[in-house]
C-alpha atoms as a PDB file:
ATOM      1  CA  MET A   1       0.000   0.000   0.000  1.00  0.00           C
ATOM      2  CA  LYS A   2       1.446   3.357  -1.084  1.00  0.00           C
ATOM      3  CA  VAL A   3       0.491   6.188   1.268  1.00  0.00           C
ATOM      4  CA  LEU A   4       1.330   9.882   1.188  1.00  0.00           C
ATOM      5  CA  ALA A   5       1.436  11.346   4.695  1.00  0.00           C
ATOM      6  CA  VAL A   6       1.513  14.963   5.835  1.00  0.00           C
ATOM      7  CA  GLU A   7       2.703  16.157   9.254  1.00  0.00           C
ATOM      8  CA  THR A   8       2.218  19.887   9.959  1.00  0.00           C
ATOM      9  CA  ALA A   9       1.180  19.988  13.622  1.00  0.00           C
ATOM     10  CA  THR A  10       4.325  21.883  14.644  1.00  0.00           C
ATOM     11  CA  SER A  11       6.735  24.271  12.947  1.00  0.00           C
ATOM     12  CA  TRP A  12       8.541  21.157  11.684  1.00  0.00           C
ATOM     13  CA  GLN A  13       6.970  20.103   8.385  1.00  0.00           C
ATOM     14  CA  SER A  14       7.321  16.456   7.358  1.00  0.00           C
ATOM     15  CA  VAL A  15       6.003  14.776   4.210  1.00  0.00           C
ATOM     16  CA  ALA A  16       6.599  11.177   3.120  1.00  0.00           C
ATOM     17  CA  ILE A  17       5.505   8.548   0.633  1.00  0.00           C
ATOM     18  CA  VAL A  18       5.687   5.089   2.199  1.00  0.00           C
ATOM     19  CA  GLU A  19       4.943   1.699   0.669  1.00  0.00           C
ATOM     20  CA  ASN A  20       4.406  -0.861   3.415  1.00  0.00           C
ATOM     21  CA  ASP A  21       7.593  -0.478   5.516  1.00  0.00           C
ATOM     22  CA  ALA A  22       9.690   1.106   2.761  1.00  0.00           C
ATOM     23  CA  VAL A  23      10.157   4.880   2.628  1.00  0.00           C
ATOM     24  CA  LEU A  24      10.036   5.819  -1.057  1.00  0.00           C
ATOM     25  CA  ALA A  25      10.674   9.522  -0.458  1.00  0.00           C
ATOM     26  CA  ARG A  26      10.475  12.052   2.353  1.00  0.00           C
ATOM     27  CA  SER A  27      10.941  15.751   2.948  1.00  0.00           C
ATOM     28  CA  ASP A  28      11.544  17.357   6.344  1.00  0.00           C
ATOM     29  CA  GLN A  29      12.091  21.047   7.002  1.00  0.00           C
ATOM     30  CA  ASP A  30      11.554  23.808   9.515  1.00  0.00           C
ATOM     31  CA  ALA A  31       8.564  25.587   8.013  1.00  0.00           C
ATOM     32  CA  GLY A  32       8.044  28.126  10.789  1.00  0.00           C
ATOM     33  CA  HIS A  33       4.610  29.578  10.090  1.00  0.00           C
ATOM     34  CA  ALA A  34       4.847  29.058   6.313  1.00  0.00           C
ATOM     35  CA  HIS A  35       3.145  25.670   5.887  1.00  0.00           C
ATOM     36  CA  GLY A  36       0.688  27.290   3.503  1.00  0.00           C
ATOM     37  CA  THR A  37       3.430  28.142   1.016  1.00  0.00           C
ATOM     38  CA  LEU A  38       5.833  25.242   1.602  1.00  0.00           C
ATOM     39  CA  LEU A  39       3.614  22.157   1.834  1.00  0.00           C
ATOM     40  CA  LEU A  40       2.412  21.709  -1.754  1.00  0.00           C
ATOM     41  CA  PRO A  41       5.890  22.313  -3.271  1.00  0.00           C
ATOM     42  CA  ALA A  42       7.286  19.657  -0.884  1.00  0.00           C
ATOM     43  CA  ILE A  43       4.623  17.176  -2.008  1.00  0.00           C
ATOM     44  CA  ASP A  44       5.359  17.963  -5.673  1.00  0.00           C
ATOM     45  CA  ARG A  45       9.051  17.236  -5.114  1.00  0.00           C
ATOM     46  CA  LEU A  46       8.226  13.806  -3.714  1.00  0.00           C
ATOM     47  CA  PHE A  47       6.163  12.966  -6.780  1.00  0.00           C
ATOM     48  CA  VAL A  48       9.013  14.076  -9.055  1.00  0.00           C
ATOM     49  CA  GLU A  49      11.556  12.110  -7.021  1.00  0.00           C
ATOM     50  CA  THR A  50       9.531   8.888  -7.085  1.00  0.00           C
ATOM     51  CA  GLY A  51       8.014   9.289 -10.535  1.00  0.00           C
ATOM     52  CA  LEU A  52       4.600   8.653  -9.017  1.00  0.00           C
ATOM     53  CA  ARG A  53       1.359  10.462  -9.670  1.00  0.00           C
ATOM     54  CA  LEU A  54      -1.450  11.149  -7.245  1.00  0.00           C
ATOM     55  CA  THR A  55      -3.549   8.378  -8.801  1.00  0.00           C
ATOM     56  CA  ASP A  56      -0.734   5.872  -8.163  1.00  0.00           C
ATOM     57  CA  LEU A  57      -1.322   6.157  -4.418  1.00  0.00           C
ATOM     58  CA  ASP A  58      -3.550   3.871  -2.395  1.00  0.00           C
ATOM     59  CA  GLY A  59      -4.369   6.421   0.246  1.00  0.00           C
ATOM     60  CA  LEU A  60      -3.496   9.495   2.283  1.00  0.00           C
ATOM     61  CA  ALA A  61      -2.671  10.058   5.954  1.00  0.00           C
ATOM     62  CA  CYS A  62      -2.788  13.332   7.840  1.00  0.00           C
ATOM     63  CA  SER A  63      -1.643  14.294  11.304  1.00  0.00           C
ATOM     64  CA  ILE A  64      -4.474  16.055  13.161  1.00  0.00           C
ATOM     65  CA  GLY A  65      -2.730  17.381  16.279  1.00  0.00           C
ATOM     66  CA  PRO A  66      -2.649  18.547  18.934  1.00  0.00           C
ATOM     67  CA  GLY A  67      -0.276  21.325  17.955  1.00  0.00           C
ATOM     68  CA  SER A  68      -0.256  24.518  15.933  1.00  0.00           C
ATOM     69  CA  PHE A  69      -3.807  25.483  14.956  1.00  0.00           C
ATOM     70  CA  THR A  70      -2.679  27.032  11.665  1.00  0.00           C
ATOM     71  CA  GLY A  71      -0.333  24.197  10.726  1.00  0.00           C
ATOM     72  CA  ILE A  72      -2.939  21.520  11.424  1.00  0.00           C
ATOM     73  CA  ARG A  73      -5.581  23.318   9.371  1.00  0.00           C
ATOM     74  CA  VAL A  74      -3.191  23.694   6.421  1.00  0.00           C
ATOM     75  CA  GLY A  75      -2.334  19.984   6.525  1.00  0.00           C
ATOM     76  CA  ILE A  76      -5.954  18.869   6.732  1.00  0.00           C
ATOM     77  CA  ALA A  77      -7.121  21.240   3.975  1.00  0.00           C
ATOM     78  CA  THR A  78      -4.323  20.046   1.688  1.00  0.00           C
ATOM     79  CA  CYS A  79      -5.135  16.370   2.269  1.00  0.00           C
ATOM     80  CA  LEU A  80      -8.840  16.965   1.722  1.00  0.00           C
ATOM     81  CA  GLY A  81      -8.021  18.618  -1.598  1.00  0.00           C
ATOM     82  CA  LEU A  82      -5.770  15.724  -2.632  1.00  0.00           C
ATOM     83  CA  ARG A  83      -8.445  13.261  -1.561  1.00  0.00           C
ATOM     84  CA  MET A  84     -10.971  14.921  -3.812  1.00  0.00           C
ATOM     85  CA  ALA A  85      -8.568  15.255  -6.744  1.00  0.00           C
ATOM     86  CA  GLY A  86      -7.368  11.651  -6.607  1.00  0.00           C
ATOM     87  CA  ASP A  87     -10.517  10.008  -5.233  1.00  0.00           C
ATOM     88  CA  LEU A  88      -8.385   8.506  -2.450  1.00  0.00           C
ATOM     89  CA  PRO A  89      -9.267   7.309   1.063  1.00  0.00           C
ATOM     90  CA  LEU A  90      -7.907   9.419   3.920  1.00  0.00           C
ATOM     91  CA  ALA A  91      -6.858   8.318   7.400  1.00  0.00           C
ATOM     92  CA  VAL A  92      -6.269  10.754  10.246  1.00  0.00           C
ATOM     93  CA  VAL A  93      -3.586  10.134  12.860  1.00  0.00           C
ATOM     94  CA  PRO A  94      -3.118  11.903  16.238  1.00  0.00           C
ATOM     95  CA  THR A  95       0.297  13.580  16.317  1.00  0.00           C
ATOM     96  CA  LEU A  96       1.354  12.310  19.744  1.00  0.00           C
ATOM     97  CA  GLU A  97       0.438   8.754  18.757  1.00  0.00           C
ATOM     98  CA  SER A  98       2.641   8.912  15.659  1.00  0.00           C
ATOM     99  CA  MET A  99       5.499  10.282  17.789  1.00  0.00           C
ATOM    100  CA  ALA A 100       5.159   7.322  20.160  1.00  0.00           C
ATOM    101  CA  TRP A 101       5.073   4.941  17.180  1.00  0.00           C
ATOM    102  CA  SER A 102       8.463   6.289  16.043  1.00  0.00           C
ATOM    103  CA  VAL A 103      10.147   5.061  19.223  1.00  0.00           C
ATOM    104  CA  PRO A 104      11.615   1.542  19.029  1.00  0.00           C
ATOM    105  CA  SER A 105      10.085  -1.053  21.301  1.00  0.00           C
ATOM    106  CA  SER A 106      10.586  -0.168  24.952  1.00  0.00           C
ATOM    107  CA  GLY A 107       9.462  -1.722  28.201  1.00  0.00           C
ATOM    108  CA  LEU A 108       8.712   1.740  29.574  1.00  0.00           C
ATOM    109  CA  PRO A 109       5.585   3.807  29.006  1.00  0.00           C
ATOM    110  CA  LEU A 110       6.105   6.388  26.250  1.00  0.00           C
ATOM    111  CA  CYS A 111       5.260  10.053  26.827  1.00  0.00           C
ATOM    112  CA  PRO A 112       5.646  12.312  23.767  1.00  0.00           C
ATOM    113  CA  VAL A 113       5.540  16.012  24.678  1.00  0.00           C
ATOM    114  CA  LEU A 114       4.940  19.073  22.492  1.00  0.00           C
ATOM    115  CA  ASN A 115       4.945  22.764  23.349  1.00  0.00           C
ATOM    116  CA  SER A 116       1.572  24.443  23.746  1.00  0.00           C
ATOM    117  CA  ARG A 117       0.888  28.012  24.870  1.00  0.00           C
ATOM    118  CA  LYS A 118       3.503  29.717  27.041  1.00  0.00           C
ATOM    119  CA  GLY A 119       4.323  27.595  30.086  1.00  0.00           C
ATOM    120  CA  GLU A 120       2.105  24.699  28.986  1.00  0.00           C
ATOM    121  CA  LEU A 121       2.562  21.413  27.147  1.00  0.00           C
ATOM    122  CA  TYR A 122       0.678  18.778  25.175  1.00  0.00           C
ATOM    123  CA  TRP A 123       1.278  15.162  26.141  1.00  0.00           C
ATOM    124  CA  ALA A 124      -0.147  11.647  26.187  1.00  0.00           C
ATOM    125  CA  VAL A 125       1.134   8.328  27.521  1.00  0.00           C
ATOM    126  CA  PHE A 126       1.318   5.074  25.554  1.00  0.00           C
ATOM    127  CA  ARG A 127       2.605   1.568  26.101  1.00  0.00           C
ATOM    128  CA  ARG A 128       3.660  -1.060  23.588  1.00  0.00           C
ATOM    129  CA  THR A 129       1.560  -4.213  23.753  1.00  0.00           C
ATOM    130  CA  ASN A 130       2.946  -7.713  23.308  1.00  0.00           C
ATOM    131  CA  GLY A 131       1.676  -7.551  19.735  1.00  0.00           C
ATOM    132  CA  GLY A 132       3.723  -4.432  19.048  1.00  0.00           C
ATOM    133  CA  GLN A 133       0.740  -2.073  18.948  1.00  0.00           C
ATOM    134  CA  LEU A 134       0.251   1.082  21.004  1.00  0.00           C
ATOM    135  CA  GLU A 135      -2.047   1.164  24.002  1.00  0.00           C
ATOM    136  CA  ARG A 136      -3.082   4.655  25.144  1.00  0.00           C
ATOM    137  CA  ILE A 137      -2.677   4.939  28.938  1.00  0.00           C
ATOM    138  CA  VAL A 138      -3.322   8.681  29.248  1.00  0.00           C
ATOM    139  CA  VAL A 139      -5.319  10.453  26.551  1.00  0.00           C
ATOM    140  CA  GLU A 140      -4.078  13.696  25.016  1.00  0.00           C
ATOM    141  CA  GLN A 141      -3.730  16.402  27.660  1.00  0.00           C
ATOM    142  CA  VAL A 142      -2.662  20.029  27.875  1.00  0.00           C
ATOM    143  CA  GLY A 143      -1.378  21.789  30.957  1.00  0.00           C
ATOM    144  CA  THR A 144       1.592  22.755  33.069  1.00  0.00           C
ATOM    145  CA  PRO A 145       4.711  20.657  33.741  1.00  0.00           C
ATOM    146  CA  GLU A 146       3.261  19.961  37.194  1.00  0.00           C
ATOM    147  CA  MET A 147       0.090  18.558  35.638  1.00  0.00           C
ATOM    148  CA  LEU A 148       2.135  16.386  33.292  1.00  0.00           C
ATOM    149  CA  ALA A 149       4.201  15.011  36.166  1.00  0.00           C
ATOM    150  CA  GLY A 150       1.010  14.297  38.098  1.00  0.00           C
ATOM    151  CA  SER A 151      -0.307  12.118  35.280  1.00  0.00           C
ATOM    152  CA  LEU A 152       2.699   9.768  35.445  1.00  0.00           C
ATOM    153  CA  SER A 153       2.616   6.815  37.809  1.00  0.00           C
ATOM    154  CA  GLU A 154       5.857   4.994  37.020  1.00  0.00           C
ATOM    155  CA  GLU A 155       9.208   5.363  35.311  1.00  0.00           C
ATOM    156  CA  THR A 156       8.443   6.807  31.908  1.00  0.00           C
ATOM    157  CA  LEU A 157      10.344   7.552  28.705  1.00  0.00           C
ATOM    158  CA  ILE A 158       9.660  11.196  27.900  1.00  0.00           C
ATOM    159  CA  PHE A 159      10.662  12.840  24.619  1.00  0.00           C
ATOM    160  CA  GLY A 160       9.764  15.567  22.152  1.00  0.00           C
ATOM    161  CA  GLU A 161      10.331  19.299  21.810  1.00  0.00           C
ATOM    162  CA  GLY A 162       8.285  19.997  24.932  1.00  0.00           C
ATOM    163  CA  TRP A 163      10.591  17.783  26.986  1.00  0.00           C
ATOM    164  CA  VAL A 164      13.652  19.529  25.529  1.00  0.00           C
ATOM    165  CA  SER A 165      12.317  22.987  26.381  1.00  0.00           C
ATOM    166  CA  MET A 166      10.929  22.207  29.865  1.00  0.00           C
ATOM    167  CA  GLU A 167      12.865  19.186  31.114  1.00  0.00           C
ATOM    168  CA  SER A 168      13.995  20.874  34.338  1.00  0.00           C
ATOM    169  CA  GLU A 169      10.450  21.966  35.225  1.00  0.00           C
ATOM    170  CA  ILE A 170       9.028  18.499  34.586  1.00  0.00           C
ATOM    171  CA  ARG A 171      11.788  16.763  36.550  1.00  0.00           C
ATOM    172  CA  SER A 172      11.389  19.089  39.527  1.00  0.00           C
ATOM    173  CA  ALA A 173       7.653  18.367  39.570  1.00  0.00           C
ATOM    174  CA  CYS A 174       8.119  14.587  39.544  1.00  0.00           C
ATOM    175  CA  SER A 175       8.044  12.774  42.882  1.00  0.00           C
ATOM    176  CA  HIS A 176      11.321  11.297  44.135  1.00  0.00           C
ATOM    177  CA  ASP A 177      10.220   7.749  43.375  1.00  0.00           C
ATOM    178  CA  LEU A 178       9.258   8.577  39.787  1.00  0.00           C
ATOM    179  CA  THR A 179      11.978   8.514  37.152  1.00  0.00           C
ATOM    180  CA  ALA A 180      11.661  10.447  33.906  1.00  0.00           C
ATOM    181  CA  SER A 181      14.013   8.972  31.323  1.00  0.00           C
ATOM    182  CA  SER A 182      15.093  11.060  28.347  1.00  0.00           C
ATOM    183  CA  GLY A 183      14.269   9.768  24.898  1.00  0.00           C
ATOM    184  CA  SER A 184      16.638   9.922  21.947  1.00  0.00           C
ATOM    185  CA  ALA A 185      17.116  13.201  20.097  1.00  0.00           C
ATOM    186  CA  ASP A 186      15.940  11.355  16.967  1.00  0.00           C
ATOM    187  CA  PHE A 187      12.365  11.504  18.250  1.00  0.00           C
ATOM    188  CA  ILE A 188      12.137  15.198  19.086  1.00  0.00           C
ATOM    189  CA  LYS A 189      10.184  16.110  15.955  1.00  0.00           C
ATOM    190  CA  PRO A 190       7.032  14.442  14.579  1.00  0.00           C
ATOM    191  CA  SER A 191       7.590  12.376  11.426  1.00  0.00           C
ATOM    192  CA  ALA A 192       5.350  11.813   8.423  1.00  0.00           C
ATOM    193  CA  VAL A 193       6.851   8.327   8.085  1.00  0.00           C
ATOM    194  CA  ALA A 194       5.206   7.222  11.331  1.00  0.00           C
ATOM    195  CA  ALA A 195       1.975   8.956  10.320  1.00  0.00           C
ATOM    196  CA  ALA A 196       2.062   7.045   7.001  1.00  0.00           C
ATOM    197  CA  GLN A 197       2.587   3.696   8.726  1.00  0.00           C
ATOM    198  CA  LEU A 198      -0.209   4.272  11.228  1.00  0.00           C
ATOM    199  CA  GLY A 199      -2.425   5.705   8.517  1.00  0.00           C
ATOM    200  CA  ALA A 200      -1.906   2.657   6.280  1.00  0.00           C
ATOM    201  CA  ALA A 201      -2.886   0.371   9.150  1.00  0.00           C
ATOM    202  CA  ARG A 202      -6.064   2.387   9.691  1.00  0.00           C
ATOM    203  CA  LEU A 203      -6.929   2.250   5.995  1.00  0.00           C
ATOM    204  CA  ARG A 204      -6.498  -1.530   5.978  1.00  0.00           C
ATOM    205  CA  ARG A 205      -8.937  -1.737   8.891  1.00  0.00           C
ATOM    206  CA  GLY A 206     -11.414   0.425   7.016  1.00  0.00           C
ATOM    207  CA  GLU A 207     -10.985   3.422   9.341  1.00  0.00           C
ATOM    208  CA  ILE A 208     -11.498   6.015   6.628  1.00  0.00           C
ATOM    209  CA  ALA A 209     -12.139   9.660   7.508  1.00  0.00           C
ATOM    210  CA  ASP A 210     -15.474  11.082   6.398  1.00  0.00           C
ATOM    211  CA  ASP A 211     -16.264  14.643   5.357  1.00  0.00           C
ATOM    212  CA  ARG A 212     -16.262  15.855   8.965  1.00  0.00           C
ATOM    213  CA  VAL A 213     -12.503  15.824   9.515  1.00  0.00           C
ATOM    214  CA  MET A 214     -11.700  17.877  12.611  1.00  0.00           C
ATOM    215  CA  PRO A 215      -8.366  18.863  14.131  1.00  0.00           C
ATOM    216  CA  LEU A 216      -7.602  17.306  17.512  1.00  0.00           C
ATOM    217  CA  TYR A 217      -7.616  20.505  19.540  1.00  0.00           C
ATOM    218  CA  VAL A 218      -6.768  19.749  23.150  1.00  0.00           C
ATOM    219  CA  GLN A 219      -7.291  22.969  25.053  1.00  0.00           C
ATOM    220  CA  ARG A 220      -7.983  23.759  28.649  1.00  0.00           C
ATOM    221  CA  ALA A 221     -11.176  25.661  29.311  1.00  0.00           C
ATOM    222  CA  GLU A 222     -10.713  29.422  29.528  1.00  0.00           C
ATOM    223  CA  ALA A 223     -12.515  29.343  32.871  1.00  0.00           C
ATOM    224  CA  GLU A 224      -9.868  26.995  34.249  1.00  0.00           C
ATOM    225  CA  ILE A 225      -7.035  29.204  33.008  1.00  0.00           C
ATOM    226  CA  THR A 226      -8.686  32.317  34.445  1.00  0.00           C
ATOM    227  CA  PHE A 227      -9.192  30.465  37.723  1.00  0.00           C
ATOM    228  CA  GLU A 228      -5.462  29.719  37.965  1.00  0.00           C
ATOM    229  CA  GLN A 229      -4.468  33.252  36.966  1.00  0.00           C
ATOM    230  CA  ALA A 230      -6.689  34.574  39.744  1.00  0.00           C
ATOM    231  CA  GLY A 231      -4.830  32.505  42.329  1.00  0.00           C
ATOM    232  CA  ASN A 232      -7.294  29.600  42.291  1.00  0.00           C
ATOM    233  CA  VAL A 233     -10.159  31.837  43.391  1.00  0.00           C
ATOM    234  CA  SER A 234     -13.507  31.252  41.697  1.00  0.00           C
ATOM    235  CA  PRO A 235     -15.389  34.110  39.967  1.00  0.00           C
ATOM    236  CA  ALA A 236     -18.183  33.829  42.540  1.00  0.00           C
ATOM    237  CA  THR A 237     -15.716  34.196  45.402  1.00  0.00           C
ATOM    238  CA  ARG A 238     -14.032  37.166  43.703  1.00  0.00           C
ATOM    239  CA  ARG A 239     -17.408  38.889  43.300  1.00  0.00           C
ATOM    240  CA  GLN A 240     -18.271  38.242  46.936  1.00  0.00           C
ATOM    241  CA  GLU A 241     -14.937  39.744  47.955  1.00  0.00           C
ATOM    242  CA  ARG A 242     -15.551  42.839  45.797  1.00  0.00           C
ATOM    243  CA  VAL A 243     -19.038  43.324  47.256  1.00  0.00           C
ATOM    244  CA  ALA A 244     -17.700  42.931  50.793  1.00  0.00           C
ATOM    245  CA  ALA A 245     -14.889  45.414  50.125  1.00  0.00           C
ATOM    246  CA  LYS A 246     -17.298  48.021  48.722  1.00  0.00           C
ATOM    247  CA  ALA A 247     -19.658  47.535  51.638  1.00  0.00           C
ATOM    248  CA  LYS A 248     -16.778  48.030  54.051  1.00  0.00           C
ATOM    249  CA  GLN A 249     -15.742  51.212  52.270  1.00  0.00           C
ATOM    250  CA  ARG A 250     -19.277  52.604  52.394  1.00  0.00           C
ATOM    251  CA  SER A 251     -19.538  51.719  56.075  1.00  0.00           C
ATOM    252  CA  ALA A 252     -16.250  53.433  56.822  1.00  0.00           C
ATOM    253  CA  LYS A 253     -17.295  56.613  54.949  1.00  0.00           C
ATOM    254  CA  SER A 254     -20.652  56.625  56.705  1.00  0.00           C
ATOM    255  CA  GLY A 255     -19.005  56.277  60.112  1.00  0.00           C
ATOM    256  CA  LYS A 256     -16.644  59.169  59.399  1.00  0.00           C
ATOM    257  CA  GLY A 257     -19.573  61.357  58.406  1.00  0.00           C
ATOM    258  CA  ARG A 258     -21.405  60.716  61.641  1.00  0.00           C
ATOM    259  CA  GLY A 259     -18.329  61.270  63.776  1.00  0.00           C
ATOM    260  CA  ALA A 260     -17.541  64.626  62.167  1.00  0.00           C
ATOM    261  CA  GLY A 261     -20.693  66.221  63.644  1.00  0.00           C
ATOM    262  CA  VAL A 262     -20.184  65.000  67.227  1.00  0.00           C
ATOM    263  CA  GLN A 263     -17.756  66.715  69.586  1.00  0.00           C
ATOM    264  CA  PRO A 264     -16.992  64.831  72.803  1.00  0.00           C
ATOM    265  CA  GLY A 265     -17.745  66.758  76.012  1.00  0.00           C
ATOM    266  CA  LYS A 266     -20.257  69.089  74.414  1.00  0.00           C
ATOM    267  CA  SER A 267     -23.930  68.825  75.309  1.00  0.00           C
ATOM    268  CA  TYR A 268     -26.625  69.165  72.770  1.00  0.00           C
ATOM    269  CA  GLY A 269     -30.023  70.372  73.793  1.00  0.00           C
ATOM    270  CA  MET A 270     -33.303  69.863  72.083  1.00  0.00           C
END
C-alpha cells in the first residue's frame, strides 16, 4: 500500500511517501509559520523524485494534532483537496500517537511532549503491547509541567520538543520515586513516516475519515485558566470579595460622616 502522509502539527513540516515499511521519499524542514506556502511544493518534489502520480497512491494520511492550529488546518485542507482530486481514502492520525510509534520497542511507558501556549505542554502516555501495537494509557492532555508530572505513575520515557524545552520543570515536579528517562534526540520532531505507517494500518482496517474531519484541539477551558491566573479563586468568590470590600468602604465613609458632627464633652439640647 502506497500512502502519502503529511505532518504539519508543529513548525517542523514532514512529508513522506511510504509503501508498506519502505520509505520511497520524504521531505523534512523547519517551516516556521509558512506551511501554507511550503507544503504543496514539498509534495510535488516527492512525486518528481519517485516518478509517481497522485492516482498511483492507495491512500493518504494526515496528522491532526494537537499542535499549531494554523499548521494543522493547512495539513488537513491540503489532504482533503488531494483526496478529492485523486478520489483517495484518507486516514487521520493523532500527532502524539505517531510520535510514540516512532520510538523503538521499549518496556517503559512512552510520553511524547509538544509545546503548547507559554508555560504549557501537550502530552499523552502510551505503552507497547505484546503484539507491538500502542495502548493509550493517558489520553491527550494540555497543561503545566506539574500537571504532566502528576499524570505519570511509574518510570516513563519522555521525549519531544516539549521535553527539551521544559525538562527541568518536569523533573522538579516529579516525585522522588518517579523517574523520567530522556528519549533519543531522533524523536524530538514528529515524522510523516510514522503517520504514514499508522495511517496505512487504519486504511487496511477500514478506518477512513469522512467529510467531517476535525483537528484534535486539546485545550484547557478558559474558565480553568482564568481560575489559575486569579490565584485559584472562583469568579463567585471574587465577586463576593468585591461586594464585601465596597460595603466596608461605604460603612467606613458613613461612620466618618457621623463622627464629624459629634464633639466629645459638648452637650446638645433639644
